Amino acid sequence: MRRLPVNLTPLRHRGFRLLVTGQLASNLGDLFYAVALPWYVLANHGGALLLGTVLAAYGIPRTALLAVSGHAADRWRPWNVMMVADIVRAVGVAALAIVAYSGRASAYLLVPIAILLGAGEGLFLPSSFAIVPSLLPDEDLQAGNALTSGGTQLATLVGPALGGVVVAIVGPASAFAVDAMSFILSVLALAGVRAVERATSDVPSVPADSEPVLAESVMSDGARIAGAGPPASTLLEMLRSERVLQVILLVTVAANLGSGGMSDVALPALVHGPFHGGAAGFGSLIAAFGGGALVGTLVAGRVSALRRPALVVSWVFIIQAGVMALVPFLGGTYGAAVALVIFGLLNGFANVVTITIFQRWAPPAMMGRLMGILMLASFGIFPVSVFVAGLIVAHAGPSIFFPLAATALGLAVLGGLTQRSWRDFGAAGELV
């Protein structure tokens, strides 16, 4: 396995193998849904206003649940929370399939379903990141994160095309049904993960004379992970006292403040306006970013332990910001595509390394809550990002948004580099 371009060694652990399989199925199903929903609403006399209302009904409970669902993961175990979330979403999408089979789109049916699906997504996300360290030994954690992230990106490249074919041939209701089935497959996979955890729960505990600064926990498949982070406390206390956590949240907010508005507002406006392109050109740019991100993710999975990982990802993010600033000024769609491939590669690599050192640092007892607050910083800023991007693009054009977003990211990272705790972040977790 180590000779392959992709590091597949984490798949030797049965629990992780089941997790990746279930998540790949679920991600593919989600992209069928992403194609089918707007097509169904707009083709059945719903209109753009109804579509926007449904999307808002999805996004608001998702953001609200992100703030609290990490506590559920810490209290009831991530796989249990993920199973509940997938069952909720399977029921919601199955109901949506029934509604779609019945005919005309209506707000009084679609909005409650969207609320249910958004709540399920918000419940699911923190646990989906918190579960990975419990299924893998420390030396396989970064490769495991690369596989889970790479699976999501691979589904993003393949899923919309497959979903479009299904919608075109048999209609959106069938695409919703496929998504519901994908959630059921994910539930079955998670049930297998839970069975693996129970089967290995009788592994002997760590001896009392083990290294005192490492809070080791026995994980499924007999794997062990060392939590070298601060002692567990309340989330509020950590937010006040842990400078590393403050820096990560600042950089996450700054990065997503630019990326959401760039991909959903500024980039399509750039293609439609200055580039004089169409939907195919916009799709090619999204695919360029996705392909680069997939490669960067897989490269991160092959990289051995870094001596100063926070320094490495900081400079990667700074270079990424520079590339982002250049997107509108490279001569059109082809130049922008090259920049977005590089941007995606850098982004995919840095995200995997960052999430890995964060998981190694976080106290195991607080993994869910810390992942929840990180997801909130990432997804919760999206409405602000697209609103700000809309204002800037409307008044100054799309080109100016790219260097502005890059400046926000670059300044946040440079600010983090002034903190020694951030520069040293992850260095103590170096593998030997």
Protein backbone atom coordinates (compact mmCIF):
# COMPACT_ATOMS: atom_id res chain seq x y z
CA MET A 1 0.00 0.00 0.00
CA ARG A 2 2.84 2.41 0.75
CA ARG A 3 3.97 2.18 -2.89
CA LEU A 4 0.65 3.47 -4.20
CA PRO A 5 0.17 7.19 -5.10
CA VAL A 6 -2.62 7.29 -2.51
CA ASN A 7 -1.83 6.24 1.04
CA LEU A 8 -4.40 3.54 1.75
CA THR A 9 -2.88 2.18 4.95
CA PRO A 10 -5.68 3.62 7.18
CA LEU A 11 -8.10 1.27 5.41
CA ARG A 12 -6.54 -1.69 7.20
CA HIS A 13 -8.62 -0.61 10.22
CA ARG A 14 -12.10 -2.05 9.81
CA GLY A 15 -13.94 0.72 11.63
CA PHE A 16 -12.35 3.42 9.48
CA ARG A 17 -12.94 1.37 6.34
CA LEU A 18 -16.64 1.20 7.13
CA LEU A 19 -16.74 4.93 7.87
CA VAL A 20 -15.14 5.86 4.53
CA THR A 21 -17.48 3.55 2.61
CA GLY A 22 -20.59 4.96 4.25
CA GLN A 23 -19.48 8.55 3.81
CA LEU A 24 -18.65 8.07 0.14
CA ALA A 25 -22.16 6.72 -0.47
CA SER A 26 -23.72 9.56 1.50
CA ASN A 27 -21.67 12.24 -0.27
CA LEU A 28 -22.65 10.90 -3.69
CA GLY A 29 -26.29 10.92 -2.64
CA ASP A 30 -26.02 14.49 -1.38
CA LEU A 31 -24.82 15.63 -4.80
CA PHE A 32 -27.79 13.92 -6.48
CA TYR A 33 -29.92 16.01 -4.13
CA ALA A 34 -27.95 19.18 -4.91
CA VAL A 35 -28.73 18.79 -8.62
CA ALA A 36 -32.32 17.63 -8.18
CA LEU A 37 -33.58 20.26 -5.70
CA PRO A 38 -33.19 23.44 -7.79
CA TRP A 39 -34.33 21.60 -10.91
CA TYR A 40 -37.46 20.32 -9.16
CA VAL A 41 -38.37 23.67 -7.61
CA LEU A 42 -37.77 25.73 -10.74
CA ALA A 43 -39.39 23.22 -13.11
CA ASN A 44 -42.54 22.91 -11.02
CA HIS A 45 -43.55 26.57 -10.85
CA GLY A 46 -41.74 27.21 -7.59
CA GLY A 47 -39.58 30.07 -8.79
CA ALA A 48 -36.35 31.56 -7.49
CA LEU A 49 -38.04 33.00 -4.39
CA LEU A 50 -39.20 29.59 -3.23
CA LEU A 51 -35.78 28.09 -3.96
CA GLY A 52 -34.09 30.79 -1.89
CA THR A 53 -36.59 30.27 0.93
CA VAL A 54 -35.96 26.51 0.95
CA LEU A 55 -32.18 27.00 0.98
CA ALA A 56 -32.47 29.47 3.86
CA ALA A 57 -34.69 27.02 5.75
CA TYR A 58 -31.91 24.48 5.31
CA GLY A 59 -29.03 26.78 6.25
CA ILE A 60 -30.39 28.36 9.41
CA PRO A 61 -30.97 25.16 11.45
CA ARG A 62 -27.69 23.73 10.15
CA THR A 63 -25.80 26.70 11.58
CA ALA A 64 -27.77 26.62 14.83
CA LEU A 65 -27.13 22.91 15.38
CA LEU A 66 -23.40 23.28 14.69
CA ALA A 67 -23.17 25.39 17.84
CA VAL A 68 -24.48 22.63 20.11
CA SER A 69 -24.10 19.27 18.35
CA GLY A 70 -20.46 18.87 19.37
CA HIS A 71 -21.63 18.46 22.96
CA ALA A 72 -23.86 15.60 21.82
CA ALA A 73 -20.86 13.93 20.17
CA ASP A 74 -18.85 14.13 23.39
CA ARG A 75 -21.70 12.81 25.49
CA TRP A 76 -23.15 10.04 23.30
CA ARG A 77 -20.22 9.11 21.05
CA PRO A 78 -19.83 10.43 17.49
CA TRP A 79 -21.05 7.30 15.69
CA ASN A 80 -24.33 7.31 17.60
CA VAL A 81 -24.94 10.99 16.81
CA MET A 82 -24.07 10.41 13.16
CA MET A 83 -26.49 7.49 12.93
CA VAL A 84 -29.33 9.59 14.36
CA ALA A 85 -28.49 12.43 11.96
CA ASP A 86 -28.45 10.09 8.95
CA ILE A 87 -31.75 8.48 9.97
CA VAL A 88 -33.31 11.96 10.24
CA ARG A 89 -31.97 12.91 6.82
CA ALA A 90 -33.05 9.62 5.24
CA VAL A 91 -36.61 10.25 6.44
CA GLY A 92 -36.49 13.86 5.24
CA VAL A 93 -35.20 13.07 1.75
CA ALA A 94 -37.62 10.15 1.40
CA ALA A 95 -40.44 12.57 2.23
CA LEU A 96 -39.03 14.95 -0.37
CA ALA A 97 -39.07 12.16 -2.96
CA ILE A 98 -42.74 11.51 -2.19
CA VAL A 99 -43.54 15.21 -2.48
CA ALA A 100 -41.66 15.40 -5.79
CA TYR A 101 -43.57 12.39 -7.16
CA SER A 102 -46.82 14.13 -6.21
CA GLY A 103 -46.14 17.09 -8.49
CA ARG A 104 -46.05 20.84 -7.87
CA ALA A 105 -43.54 22.40 -5.47
CA SER A 106 -45.04 24.21 -2.48
CA ALA A 107 -43.49 26.06 0.44
CA TYR A 108 -45.65 24.50 3.15
CA LEU A 109 -44.22 21.06 2.29
CA LEU A 110 -40.67 21.91 1.24
CA VAL A 111 -39.74 24.31 4.06
CA PRO A 112 -40.37 21.82 6.95
CA ILE A 113 -38.41 19.15 5.06
CA ALA A 114 -35.55 21.59 4.47
CA ILE A 115 -35.49 22.47 8.18
CA LEU A 116 -35.26 18.77 9.04
CA LEU A 117 -32.43 18.18 6.56
CA GLY A 118 -30.49 21.24 7.73
CA ALA A 119 -30.80 20.17 11.35
CA GLY A 120 -29.55 16.70 10.43
CA GLU A 121 -26.53 18.17 8.64
CA GLY A 122 -25.69 20.43 11.58
CA LEU A 123 -25.97 17.47 13.95
CA PHE A 124 -23.77 15.32 11.73
CA LEU A 125 -20.78 17.52 10.81
CA PRO A 126 -18.88 17.88 14.13
CA SER A 127 -19.15 14.15 14.83
CA SER A 128 -17.89 13.29 11.34
CA PHE A 129 -14.58 15.01 12.16
CA ALA A 130 -14.47 13.98 15.82
CA ILE A 131 -14.83 10.28 15.01
CA VAL A 132 -11.68 9.89 12.88
CA PRO A 133 -9.07 10.06 15.71
CA SER A 134 -11.01 7.37 17.59
CA LEU A 135 -10.69 4.93 14.68
CA LEU A 136 -7.02 5.31 13.77
CA PRO A 137 -3.62 5.23 15.45
CA ASP A 138 -1.79 8.53 15.46
CA GLU A 139 0.62 7.61 12.67
CA ASP A 140 -2.31 6.98 10.27
CA LEU A 141 -4.38 10.02 11.26
CA GLN A 142 -3.22 12.44 8.56
CA ALA A 143 -3.56 9.82 5.82
CA GLY A 144 -7.02 8.99 7.18
CA ASN A 145 -8.08 12.64 7.05
CA ALA A 146 -6.79 12.79 3.49
CA LEU A 147 -8.88 9.77 2.51
CA THR A 148 -12.08 11.12 4.06
CA SER A 149 -11.56 14.55 2.52
CA GLY A 150 -10.47 13.06 -0.80
CA GLY A 151 -13.59 10.91 -0.91
CA THR A 152 -15.73 14.01 -0.46
CA GLN A 153 -13.88 15.83 -3.24
CA LEU A 154 -14.03 12.82 -5.55
CA ALA A 155 -17.78 12.65 -4.99
CA THR A 156 -17.98 16.37 -5.78
CA LEU A 157 -16.30 15.77 -9.13
CA VAL A 158 -18.39 12.70 -10.08
CA GLY A 159 -21.69 13.16 -8.26
CA PRO A 160 -23.18 16.17 -10.08
CA ALA A 161 -22.71 14.54 -13.48
CA LEU A 162 -24.35 11.30 -12.33
CA GLY A 163 -27.11 13.24 -10.58
CA GLY A 164 -27.73 15.26 -13.73
CA VAL A 165 -28.12 12.09 -15.79
CA VAL A 166 -30.58 10.61 -13.29
CA VAL A 167 -32.62 13.84 -13.14
CA ALA A 168 -32.66 14.12 -16.94
CA ILE A 169 -33.73 10.51 -17.52
CA VAL A 170 -36.07 9.64 -14.65
CA GLY A 171 -36.70 12.97 -12.91
CA PRO A 172 -35.76 14.64 -9.60
CA ALA A 173 -37.94 12.40 -7.44
CA SER A 174 -35.78 9.39 -8.31
CA ALA A 175 -32.63 11.39 -7.50
CA PHE A 176 -34.10 12.17 -4.07
CA ALA A 177 -34.82 8.47 -3.60
CA VAL A 178 -31.19 7.65 -4.40
CA ASP A 179 -30.08 10.17 -1.76
CA ALA A 180 -32.40 8.58 0.82
CA MET A 181 -30.91 5.16 0.06
CA SER A 182 -27.39 6.57 0.43
CA PHE A 183 -28.24 7.70 3.97
CA ILE A 184 -29.51 4.21 4.78
CA LEU A 185 -26.21 2.76 3.54
CA SER A 186 -24.36 5.23 5.75
CA VAL A 187 -26.46 4.20 8.78
CA LEU A 188 -25.58 0.54 8.16
CA ALA A 189 -21.89 1.41 7.87
CA LEU A 190 -22.00 3.40 11.10
CA ALA A 191 -23.73 0.50 12.84
CA GLY A 192 -20.72 -1.57 11.79
CA VAL A 193 -18.36 1.08 13.20
CA ARG A 194 -20.21 0.95 16.51
CA ALA A 195 -20.01 -2.86 16.52
CA VAL A 196 -16.23 -2.66 15.99
CA GLU A 197 -15.93 -0.22 18.88
CA ARG A 198 -17.92 -2.50 21.19
CA ALA A 199 -15.92 -5.55 20.13
CA THR A 200 -12.64 -3.82 21.05
CA SER A 201 -13.84 -2.16 24.25
CA ASP A 202 -12.28 -4.96 26.32
CA VAL A 203 -8.72 -4.04 25.20
CA PRO A 204 -6.60 -3.52 28.35
CA SER A 205 -6.31 0.07 29.51
CA VAL A 206 -3.08 2.06 29.47
CA PRO A 207 -0.71 1.24 32.36
CA ALA A 208 -0.63 3.76 35.19
CA ASP A 209 3.09 4.41 34.69
CA SER A 210 2.61 5.60 31.07
CA GLU A 211 4.01 8.98 30.02
CA PRO A 212 1.98 11.45 32.12
CA VAL A 213 1.80 14.30 29.61
CA LEU A 214 0.02 12.17 27.00
CA ALA A 215 -3.63 11.35 27.58
CA GLU A 216 -3.74 8.06 25.67
CA SER A 217 -7.04 6.40 24.88
CA VAL A 218 -7.58 2.89 23.55
CA MET A 219 -9.45 3.09 20.27
CA SER A 220 -11.16 0.66 17.94
CA ASP A 221 -9.03 -2.00 16.23
CA GLY A 222 -6.71 -1.62 19.23
CA ALA A 223 -5.42 1.70 17.88
CA ARG A 224 -4.11 4.33 20.25
CA ILE A 225 -3.95 8.06 19.80
CA ALA A 226 -2.04 10.48 22.01
CA GLY A 227 -3.87 13.69 22.89
CA ALA A 228 -1.03 16.08 23.61
CA GLY A 229 -3.26 19.12 23.93
CA PRO A 230 -4.35 21.06 27.01
CA PRO A 231 -6.22 19.37 29.85
CA ALA A 232 -9.98 19.18 29.27
CA SER A 233 -12.01 22.12 30.61
CA THR A 234 -15.14 23.92 29.49
CA LEU A 235 -15.36 25.17 25.93
CA LEU A 236 -15.78 28.76 27.12
CA GLU A 237 -12.61 28.54 29.21
CA MET A 238 -10.66 27.20 26.23
CA LEU A 239 -11.98 29.95 23.97
CA ARG A 240 -10.78 32.53 26.49
CA SER A 241 -7.41 31.04 27.35
CA GLU A 242 -6.10 28.99 24.40
CA ARG A 243 -4.39 31.33 21.96
CA VAL A 244 -3.93 28.52 19.43
CA LEU A 245 -7.68 27.96 19.33
CA GLN A 246 -8.27 31.69 18.85
CA VAL A 247 -5.82 31.80 15.93
CA ILE A 248 -7.35 28.76 14.21
CA LEU A 249 -10.84 30.22 14.49
CA LEU A 250 -9.63 33.61 13.21
CA VAL A 251 -7.94 32.06 10.17
CA THR A 252 -10.97 29.82 9.51
CA VAL A 253 -13.35 32.78 9.59
CA ALA A 254 -11.06 34.87 7.37
CA ALA A 255 -10.60 32.05 4.86
CA ASN A 256 -14.32 31.28 4.60
CA LEU A 257 -15.29 34.95 4.55
CA GLY A 258 -13.53 35.06 1.18
CA SER A 259 -14.07 31.57 -0.21
CA GLY A 260 -17.85 31.44 0.04
CA GLY A 261 -18.34 34.77 -1.69
CA MET A 262 -15.67 33.93 -4.25
CA SER A 263 -17.14 30.61 -5.39
CA ASP A 264 -20.85 31.49 -5.23
CA VAL A 265 -20.88 35.20 -6.18
CA ALA A 266 -17.62 36.68 -7.49
CA LEU A 267 -16.50 33.76 -9.67
CA PRO A 268 -19.78 33.30 -11.59
CA ALA A 269 -20.03 37.09 -11.95
CA LEU A 270 -16.46 37.15 -13.28
CA VAL A 271 -17.23 34.46 -15.87
CA HIS A 272 -20.53 36.02 -16.90
CA GLY A 273 -19.12 39.56 -17.05
CA PRO A 274 -15.43 40.28 -17.79
CA PHE A 275 -14.70 36.78 -19.12
CA HIS A 276 -17.84 36.73 -21.34
CA GLY A 277 -18.29 33.04 -20.65
CA GLY A 278 -21.23 30.78 -19.97
CA ALA A 279 -22.26 28.03 -17.60
CA ALA A 280 -19.77 25.60 -19.14
CA GLY A 281 -16.91 27.99 -18.43
CA PHE A 282 -18.04 28.46 -14.84
CA GLY A 283 -18.34 24.69 -14.39
CA SER A 284 -14.84 24.17 -15.74
CA LEU A 285 -13.44 26.59 -13.17
CA ILE A 286 -15.24 24.82 -10.32
CA ALA A 287 -13.89 21.51 -11.65
CA ALA A 288 -10.37 23.00 -11.82
CA PHE A 289 -10.53 23.94 -8.16
CA GLY A 290 -11.98 20.54 -7.23
CA GLY A 291 -9.32 18.63 -9.14
CA GLY A 292 -6.53 20.64 -7.54
CA ALA A 293 -8.03 20.17 -4.08
CA LEU A 294 -8.23 16.41 -4.61
CA VAL A 295 -4.56 16.25 -5.60
CA GLY A 296 -3.53 18.43 -2.64
CA THR A 297 -5.50 16.26 -0.25
CA LEU A 298 -3.86 13.09 -1.54
CA VAL A 299 -0.40 14.70 -1.34
CA ALA A 300 -1.07 15.52 2.31
CA GLY A 301 -1.92 11.89 2.90
CA ARG A 302 1.50 10.86 1.62
CA VAL A 303 3.48 13.45 3.61
CA SER A 304 5.24 12.17 6.70
CA ALA A 305 5.20 14.09 9.97
CA LEU A 306 6.29 17.73 9.67
CA ARG A 307 8.57 19.26 12.29
CA ARG A 308 6.72 22.59 12.28
CA PRO A 309 3.33 21.87 10.66
CA ALA A 310 1.72 25.17 11.66
CA LEU A 311 4.53 27.11 10.00
CA VAL A 312 4.21 25.01 6.85
CA VAL A 313 0.45 25.48 6.52
CA SER A 314 0.74 29.18 7.33
CA TRP A 315 3.03 29.78 4.36
CA VAL A 316 0.88 27.53 2.20
CA PHE A 317 -2.16 29.65 3.09
CA ILE A 318 -0.23 32.85 2.34
CA ILE A 319 0.80 31.53 -1.10
CA GLN A 320 -2.81 30.42 -1.61
CA ALA A 321 -3.97 33.96 -0.85
CA GLY A 322 -1.55 35.32 -3.46
CA VAL A 323 -2.87 32.91 -6.07
CA MET A 324 -6.46 33.86 -5.20
CA ALA A 325 -5.69 37.52 -5.78
CA LEU A 326 -4.44 36.77 -9.32
CA VAL A 327 -7.47 34.80 -10.57
CA PRO A 328 -9.20 37.69 -12.43
CA PHE A 329 -5.98 39.06 -13.97
CA LEU A 330 -4.55 36.09 -15.90
CA GLY A 331 -6.15 36.68 -19.27
CA GLY A 332 -9.47 34.91 -18.97
CA THR A 333 -10.93 31.49 -18.26
CA TYR A 334 -7.81 29.44 -19.06
CA GLY A 335 -5.52 31.50 -16.88
CA ALA A 336 -8.08 31.50 -14.08
CA ALA A 337 -8.39 27.70 -14.38
CA VAL A 338 -4.63 27.28 -13.89
CA ALA A 339 -4.74 29.56 -10.85
CA LEU A 340 -7.69 27.67 -9.38
CA VAL A 341 -5.95 24.32 -9.82
CA ILE A 342 -2.99 25.67 -7.82
CA PHE A 343 -5.34 27.33 -5.32
CA GLY A 344 -7.24 24.06 -4.82
CA LEU A 345 -4.05 22.03 -4.44
CA LEU A 346 -2.70 24.36 -1.75
CA ASN A 347 -6.08 24.50 -0.01
CA GLY A 348 -6.55 20.73 0.03
CA PHE A 349 -3.05 20.13 1.42
CA ALA A 350 -3.26 22.80 4.12
CA ASN A 351 -6.74 21.80 5.27
CA VAL A 352 -5.76 18.16 5.84
CA VAL A 353 -2.60 19.06 7.76
CA THR A 354 -4.42 21.66 9.86
CA ILE A 355 -7.32 19.41 10.82
CA THR A 356 -4.87 16.64 11.73
CA ILE A 357 -2.77 18.73 14.12
CA PHE A 358 -5.99 20.15 15.58
CA GLN A 359 -7.30 16.63 16.26
CA ARG A 360 -3.99 15.64 17.86
CA TRP A 361 -4.08 18.72 20.08
CA ALA A 362 -7.73 18.57 21.19
CA PRO A 363 -8.51 16.77 24.46
CA PRO A 364 -10.40 13.57 23.53
CA ALA A 365 -13.19 14.38 26.00
CA MET A 366 -13.83 17.67 24.18
CA MET A 367 -13.21 16.61 20.60
CA GLY A 368 -16.85 16.96 19.56
CA ARG A 369 -17.32 20.43 21.07
CA LEU A 370 -14.09 21.74 19.58
CA MET A 371 -14.97 20.33 16.17
CA GLY A 372 -18.40 21.91 16.51
CA ILE A 373 -16.99 25.38 17.12
CA LEU A 374 -14.54 24.91 14.22
CA MET A 375 -17.39 23.86 11.90
CA LEU A 376 -19.41 26.84 13.08
CA ALA A 377 -16.54 29.19 12.20
CA SER A 378 -16.33 27.54 8.78
CA PHE A 379 -19.99 27.16 7.76
CA GLY A 380 -21.57 29.86 9.89
CA ILE A 381 -19.73 32.66 8.07
CA PHE A 382 -21.13 31.64 4.68
CA PRO A 383 -24.23 33.90 4.72
CA VAL A 384 -22.05 36.87 5.65
CA SER A 385 -19.55 35.97 2.93
CA VAL A 386 -22.08 35.84 0.09
CA PHE A 387 -23.82 39.01 1.31
CA VAL A 388 -20.56 40.98 1.48
CA ALA A 389 -19.49 39.60 -1.89
CA GLY A 390 -22.82 40.64 -3.39
CA LEU A 391 -22.36 44.21 -2.16
CA ILE A 392 -18.78 44.47 -3.40
CA VAL A 393 -19.48 42.87 -6.78
CA ALA A 394 -22.58 45.06 -7.31
CA HIS A 395 -20.73 48.30 -6.59
CA ALA A 396 -17.14 47.62 -7.74
CA GLY A 397 -17.29 44.58 -10.01
CA PRO A 398 -16.15 40.99 -9.41
CA SER A 399 -12.42 41.44 -10.04
CA ILE A 400 -11.76 43.52 -6.92
CA PHE A 401 -13.28 40.91 -4.61
CA PHE A 402 -10.45 38.42 -5.18
CA PRO A 403 -7.56 40.58 -3.89
CA LEU A 404 -9.75 41.80 -1.03
CA ALA A 405 -10.55 38.23 0.05
CA ALA A 406 -6.88 37.29 -0.34
CA THR A 407 -5.83 40.24 1.82
CA ALA A 408 -8.22 39.19 4.62
CA LEU A 409 -6.78 35.66 4.61
CA GLY A 410 -3.17 36.81 4.40
CA LEU A 411 -3.52 39.29 7.26
CA ALA A 412 -5.19 36.69 9.48
CA VAL A 413 -2.39 34.19 8.88
CA LEU A 414 0.33 36.80 9.41
CA GLY A 415 -1.38 37.81 12.64
CA GLY A 416 -1.32 34.19 13.76
CA LEU A 417 2.40 33.94 12.99
CA THR A 418 3.08 36.66 15.54
CA GLN A 419 1.99 34.18 18.23
CA ARG A 420 4.61 31.70 19.33
CA SER A 421 1.96 29.24 20.46
CA TRP A 422 0.71 29.08 16.86
CA ARG A 423 4.20 28.81 15.34
CA ASP A 424 4.92 25.86 17.65
CA PHE A 425 1.48 24.29 17.20
CA GLY A 426 1.76 20.62 16.31
CA ALA A 427 5.52 20.44 16.80
CA ALA A 428 5.13 18.44 20.03
CA GLY A 429 3.03 15.89 18.13
CA GLU A 430 5.86 14.96 15.73
CA LEU A 431 6.03 11.23 15.09
CA VAL A 432 9.25 9.46 15.91
